[in-house]
Amino acid sequence: MNILSRKVLALLIFLLIAPVMAAAAQAGELPSRTVSVMKGVQADGACAIVGMSAEQCQLTALQRARASAIEQAAGVSVTSGTLVTNFTVAADFIKTYARGFIVAEKVAWLPLGQYQKDTATAPIPEYRVKITADVYVPEKKVKPLGLQARLNSNVFREGEKARVTVRTTRDAGLAVFNIMADDRVALLFPHPQETNNRLAAGKEFIFPAADSKVELVMQPLSGHQKDAEALLVIAWEKGQDIRVMDMFPAGAPVAFSEFFRTLADIADRCEETILPYEVVAVP
């Protein structure tokens, strides 16, 4: 999704003034300081085509495999099973992205399979995928910031407006990203029209504010009846020299692994949370 384009938009951002594009640094290598990267993690995932397109099914299978790789590297168990048949479970997979970051991956698609719940039901096509991933697990070097965030809804109908509320227990910097249904990630906040991303301890911050120059209007990808996406909210301690607008192009989404490879450079100094949601098309 390009947040300044309508062609593949899952989350529309309508700017009420002309955008001013910022220059961005290219994604670099993993940070030179001590990091914890587990290389060559192998994982698989599958998704049966139930209430979603073949394209969506493929991405969901890939998300499941990524979740499994992150679980292995981080030593946590968030999801269960390898087969996906609905968006609610698919959205849960996205939550694992806060546990570790896939900074490189090789994807191998297996022959199309079949899923059959029991002999009384007909089999349905099943996409299956295997990945080999390098997973970066941040070694946190900051005191907890008490980051809390929530969306105004977990399910949006096409055209409804999203709003995220954020609070920290200490003064902090803030960034909000959109993990989109086309397997790309975009910086939503800060942006050229609203650059003040400082949070005061204990104060609620709402984005977009009532008087904001930005609206977050929900819309599924073209031709999709439903999409699973998420907002990634990160915060860092006041005084840290973190300039997200220099790291990520303003209004220009980047590929999944490229995004997390860049984010890895600051991840050990940040606290993060992921807010999954669904967008449903209006007939």
Protein backbone atom coordinates (compact mmCIF):
# COMPACT_ATOMS: atom_id res chain seq x y z
CA MET A 1 0.00 0.00 0.00
CA ASN A 2 1.26 3.45 -0.84
CA ILE A 3 -0.24 5.86 1.66
CA LEU A 4 -0.26 8.62 -0.94
CA SER A 5 -1.71 6.45 -3.73
CA ARG A 6 -5.10 4.84 -4.38
CA LYS A 7 -3.95 1.88 -6.51
CA VAL A 8 -3.33 -0.75 -3.84
CA LEU A 9 -4.73 1.01 -0.83
CA ALA A 10 -5.79 -0.94 2.24
CA LEU A 11 -5.62 2.07 4.53
CA LEU A 12 -6.25 5.46 2.87
CA ILE A 13 -4.63 8.55 4.24
CA PHE A 14 -6.29 11.69 3.02
CA LEU A 15 -4.01 14.67 3.53
CA LEU A 16 -5.85 17.95 3.71
CA ILE A 17 -2.80 19.93 2.62
CA ALA A 18 -0.25 19.24 -0.09
CA PRO A 19 2.29 16.61 1.01
CA VAL A 20 5.92 17.48 1.42
CA MET A 21 8.06 14.43 0.74
CA ALA A 22 11.06 13.83 2.97
CA ALA A 23 14.35 12.32 1.91
CA ALA A 24 15.08 8.87 3.35
CA ALA A 25 18.16 6.88 4.11
CA GLN A 26 18.51 3.53 2.43
CA ALA A 27 18.08 0.40 4.57
CA GLY A 28 21.46 -0.73 5.80
CA GLU A 29 22.98 -3.80 7.31
CA LEU A 30 22.10 -5.14 10.73
CA PRO A 31 23.36 -2.94 13.58
CA SER A 32 27.05 -3.33 14.35
CA ARG A 33 26.52 -3.51 18.09
CA THR A 34 25.89 -6.84 19.80
CA VAL A 35 22.74 -8.42 18.45
CA SER A 36 20.97 -11.73 18.67
CA VAL A 37 20.31 -13.09 15.19
CA MET A 38 19.29 -16.68 14.65
CA LYS A 39 20.20 -17.61 11.10
CA GLY A 40 18.63 -20.26 8.91
CA VAL A 41 15.45 -20.81 10.91
CA GLN A 42 13.19 -23.17 8.97
CA ALA A 43 9.43 -23.02 9.27
CA ASP A 44 6.33 -23.81 7.26
CA GLY A 45 2.75 -22.68 7.03
CA ALA A 46 -0.45 -23.51 5.19
CA CYS A 47 -3.72 -21.81 4.42
CA ALA A 48 -6.91 -23.29 2.98
CA ILE A 49 -8.98 -21.11 0.65
CA VAL A 50 -12.01 -20.45 2.83
CA GLY A 51 -13.67 -17.04 2.42
CA MET A 52 -10.58 -15.44 0.89
CA SER A 53 -8.91 -15.09 -2.48
CA ALA A 54 -5.97 -17.20 -3.63
CA GLU A 55 -3.70 -14.15 -3.22
CA GLN A 56 -4.84 -13.61 0.35
CA CYS A 57 -4.47 -17.29 1.10
CA GLN A 58 -0.86 -17.27 -0.10
CA LEU A 59 0.04 -14.29 2.07
CA THR A 60 -1.67 -15.81 5.10
CA ALA A 61 0.28 -19.06 4.68
CA LEU A 62 3.47 -17.00 4.50
CA GLN A 63 2.49 -15.06 7.63
CA ARG A 64 1.96 -18.36 9.44
CA ALA A 65 5.41 -19.58 8.45
CA ARG A 66 6.95 -16.27 9.57
CA ALA A 67 5.17 -16.51 12.91
CA SER A 68 6.56 -20.01 13.42
CA ALA A 69 10.10 -18.85 12.61
CA ILE A 70 9.85 -15.97 15.08
CA GLU A 71 8.47 -18.28 17.78
CA GLN A 72 11.44 -20.61 17.33
CA ALA A 73 13.99 -17.79 17.51
CA ALA A 74 12.36 -15.96 20.41
CA GLY A 75 11.52 -19.10 22.39
CA VAL A 76 7.85 -18.24 22.70
CA SER A 77 4.62 -19.93 21.65
CA VAL A 78 1.90 -17.58 20.49
CA THR A 79 0.07 -19.56 17.82
CA SER A 80 -0.94 -23.17 17.38
CA GLY A 81 -1.11 -25.45 14.35
CA THR A 82 0.10 -24.73 10.84
CA LEU A 83 -3.18 -24.48 8.93
CA VAL A 84 -5.19 -21.29 8.64
CA THR A 85 -8.78 -21.02 7.45
CA ASN A 86 -9.94 -17.63 8.76
CA PHE A 87 -8.82 -14.03 9.16
CA THR A 88 -9.09 -13.95 12.96
CA VAL A 89 -6.32 -16.51 13.29
CA ALA A 90 -4.33 -14.82 10.52
CA ALA A 91 -4.41 -11.53 12.44
CA ASP A 92 -3.04 -13.33 15.49
CA PHE A 93 0.02 -14.38 13.50
CA ILE A 94 0.86 -10.72 12.92
CA LYS A 95 1.16 -10.25 16.70
CA THR A 96 4.32 -12.35 16.71
CA TYR A 97 6.10 -9.66 14.69
CA ALA A 98 6.69 -7.80 17.97
CA ARG A 99 8.63 -10.79 19.36
CA GLY A 100 11.33 -10.84 16.72
CA PHE A 101 12.10 -9.40 13.30
CA ILE A 102 12.63 -11.40 10.11
CA VAL A 103 15.49 -9.51 8.48
CA ALA A 104 16.05 -11.97 5.60
CA GLU A 105 14.04 -14.85 4.19
CA LYS A 106 14.01 -17.39 1.39
CA VAL A 107 10.57 -18.61 0.39
CA ALA A 108 9.80 -21.96 -1.24
CA TRP A 109 6.24 -22.71 -2.34
CA LEU A 110 5.17 -26.34 -2.24
CA PRO A 111 2.72 -27.97 -4.68
CA LEU A 112 -0.90 -27.03 -4.07
CA GLY A 113 -2.43 -29.41 -1.54
CA GLN A 114 -5.90 -30.17 -0.25
CA TYR A 115 -7.57 -29.68 3.10
CA GLN A 116 -10.52 -31.79 4.19
CA LYS A 117 -12.10 -31.31 7.59
CA ASP A 118 -13.78 -34.74 7.51
CA THR A 119 -15.16 -37.24 5.00
CA ALA A 120 -18.54 -35.50 5.02
CA THR A 121 -17.07 -32.32 3.52
CA ALA A 122 -15.44 -31.82 0.15
CA PRO A 123 -11.70 -31.05 0.07
CA ILE A 124 -10.59 -27.49 -0.65
CA PRO A 125 -7.31 -26.13 -2.10
CA GLU A 126 -4.52 -25.50 0.40
CA TYR A 127 -1.44 -23.33 -0.15
CA ARG A 128 1.71 -24.57 1.57
CA VAL A 129 5.01 -22.78 2.00
CA LYS A 130 8.42 -23.30 3.62
CA ILE A 131 10.77 -20.48 4.57
CA THR A 132 14.36 -20.20 5.73
CA ALA A 133 14.70 -17.00 7.74
CA ASP A 134 17.22 -14.95 9.67
CA VAL A 135 15.42 -13.68 12.78
CA TYR A 136 16.67 -10.78 14.87
CA VAL A 137 15.57 -10.90 18.52
CA PRO A 138 16.17 -7.50 20.15
CA GLU A 139 18.08 -7.43 23.42
CA LYS A 140 16.26 -4.62 25.16
CA LYS A 141 18.51 -1.93 26.63
CA VAL A 142 15.87 0.41 28.00
CA LYS A 143 13.76 0.56 31.12
CA PRO A 144 10.09 -0.30 30.46
CA LEU A 145 8.16 2.64 29.10
CA GLY A 146 4.74 1.25 30.01
CA LEU A 147 3.59 1.49 26.40
CA GLN A 148 -0.14 0.92 25.93
CA ALA A 149 -2.05 1.34 22.69
CA ARG A 150 -5.52 0.56 21.40
CA LEU A 151 -7.57 1.02 18.25
CA ASN A 152 -11.11 2.33 18.24
CA SER A 153 -12.19 -1.00 16.69
CA ASN A 154 -10.80 -4.41 15.74
CA VAL A 155 -13.05 -4.71 12.68
CA PHE A 156 -13.64 -1.83 10.27
CA ARG A 157 -16.14 -1.59 7.46
CA GLU A 158 -14.94 0.04 4.28
CA GLY A 159 -14.99 3.82 4.70
CA GLU A 160 -14.84 3.84 8.49
CA LYS A 161 -12.12 5.88 10.15
CA ALA A 162 -9.48 4.42 12.43
CA ARG A 163 -7.97 6.11 15.45
CA VAL A 164 -5.22 4.86 17.75
CA THR A 165 -4.78 5.93 21.37
CA VAL A 166 -1.32 5.67 22.94
CA ARG A 167 -0.04 6.17 26.47
CA THR A 168 3.37 5.72 28.14
CA THR A 169 4.35 5.99 31.78
CA ARG A 170 7.53 7.89 30.91
CA ASP A 171 8.27 10.68 28.45
CA ALA A 172 8.88 9.05 25.08
CA GLY A 173 9.15 9.38 21.33
CA LEU A 174 6.55 7.64 19.16
CA ALA A 175 6.10 6.15 15.71
CA VAL A 176 3.14 4.34 14.15
CA PHE A 177 3.48 2.00 11.17
CA ASN A 178 0.95 0.14 9.03
CA ILE A 179 1.63 -3.55 8.31
CA MET A 180 -0.44 -3.79 5.16
CA ALA A 181 -2.35 -6.51 3.37
CA ASP A 182 0.01 -6.40 0.38
CA ASP A 183 2.99 -7.50 2.55
CA ARG A 184 4.51 -4.05 2.84
CA VAL A 185 4.95 -1.63 5.74
CA ALA A 186 4.53 2.16 5.78
CA LEU A 187 5.25 4.90 8.30
CA LEU A 188 2.00 6.66 9.25
CA PHE A 189 3.24 8.90 12.07
CA PRO A 190 5.19 11.13 12.29
CA HIS A 191 4.86 12.57 8.79
CA PRO A 192 5.71 15.87 7.10
CA GLN A 193 2.47 17.51 8.25
CA GLU A 194 2.76 16.36 11.88
CA THR A 195 6.37 16.02 13.02
CA ASN A 196 5.92 16.42 16.78
CA ASN A 197 6.02 12.82 17.99
CA ARG A 198 6.85 13.41 21.66
CA LEU A 199 4.61 11.91 24.34
CA ALA A 200 4.34 13.26 27.87
CA ALA A 201 4.32 10.66 30.61
CA GLY A 202 0.81 9.54 31.55
CA LYS A 203 -0.91 11.62 28.86
CA GLU A 204 -3.08 9.98 26.20
CA PHE A 205 -2.05 10.68 22.63
CA ILE A 206 -4.64 10.16 19.89
CA PHE A 207 -3.74 9.78 16.24
CA PRO A 208 -5.21 11.26 14.19
CA ALA A 209 -6.41 14.02 16.52
CA ALA A 210 -9.76 15.71 15.90
CA ASP A 211 -8.02 18.69 14.31
CA SER A 212 -5.42 16.63 12.44
CA LYS A 213 -4.53 17.18 8.80
CA VAL A 214 -4.78 13.40 8.35
CA GLU A 215 -7.64 10.90 8.31
CA LEU A 216 -7.18 7.14 8.41
CA VAL A 217 -10.00 5.85 6.22
CA MET A 218 -10.19 2.07 6.01
CA GLN A 219 -10.46 0.29 2.68
CA PRO A 220 -9.57 -3.27 1.62
CA LEU A 221 -7.32 -3.94 -1.32
CA SER A 222 -9.02 -3.77 -4.71
CA GLY A 223 -11.12 -6.89 -5.31
CA HIS A 224 -10.83 -8.13 -1.71
CA GLN A 225 -13.85 -8.72 0.48
CA LYS A 226 -11.78 -8.70 3.66
CA ASP A 227 -8.18 -7.98 4.66
CA ALA A 228 -6.14 -8.55 7.82
CA GLU A 229 -3.67 -5.79 8.69
CA ALA A 230 -2.08 -4.24 11.78
CA LEU A 231 -0.62 -1.10 13.27
CA LEU A 232 2.86 -1.37 14.77
CA VAL A 233 3.39 1.19 17.53
CA ILE A 234 6.91 1.79 18.83
CA ALA A 235 8.13 4.11 21.58
CA TRP A 236 11.57 5.04 22.84
CA GLU A 237 12.94 6.88 25.82
CA LYS A 238 13.10 10.66 25.67
CA GLY A 239 16.59 11.76 24.71
CA GLN A 240 17.32 8.85 22.37
CA ASP A 241 18.55 10.05 18.98
CA ILE A 242 16.00 8.14 16.88
CA ARG A 243 14.83 9.81 13.68
CA VAL A 244 12.28 7.53 12.06
CA MET A 245 11.54 9.96 9.23
CA ASP A 246 15.16 9.68 8.15
CA MET A 247 14.97 5.88 8.28
CA PHE A 248 11.73 5.35 6.40
CA PRO A 249 10.51 7.19 3.27
CA ALA A 250 7.62 9.51 3.98
CA GLY A 251 4.49 8.02 2.42
CA ALA A 252 6.41 5.22 0.64
CA PRO A 253 5.83 1.63 1.82
CA VAL A 254 8.76 -0.77 1.91
CA ALA A 255 8.92 -4.55 1.55
CA PHE A 256 8.38 -6.65 4.68
CA SER A 257 11.96 -7.88 5.25
CA GLU A 258 13.50 -4.55 4.21
CA PHE A 259 11.37 -2.75 6.80
CA PHE A 260 12.31 -5.03 9.67
CA ARG A 261 15.96 -5.07 8.64
CA THR A 262 15.97 -1.28 8.98
CA LEU A 263 13.93 -1.31 12.19
CA ALA A 264 16.43 -3.73 13.74
CA ASP A 265 18.90 -0.85 13.99
CA ILE A 266 16.82 0.76 16.77
CA ALA A 267 14.77 -2.16 18.10
CA ASP A 268 16.87 -2.75 21.22
CA ARG A 269 16.17 0.85 22.30
CA CYS A 270 12.41 0.66 21.70
CA GLU A 271 9.27 -0.81 23.17
CA GLU A 272 6.61 -1.96 20.73
CA THR A 273 3.10 -3.33 20.46
CA ILE A 274 1.05 -4.60 17.52
CA LEU A 275 -2.65 -3.92 16.98
CA PRO A 276 -4.21 -6.33 14.43
CA TYR A 277 -7.49 -5.46 12.72
CA GLU A 278 -9.70 -6.50 9.82
CA VAL A 279 -11.14 -4.38 7.02
CA VAL A 280 -14.40 -5.60 5.44
CA ALA A 281 -15.64 -4.42 2.06
CA VAL A 282 -19.10 -2.87 1.76
CA PRO A 283 -21.28 -4.60 -0.89
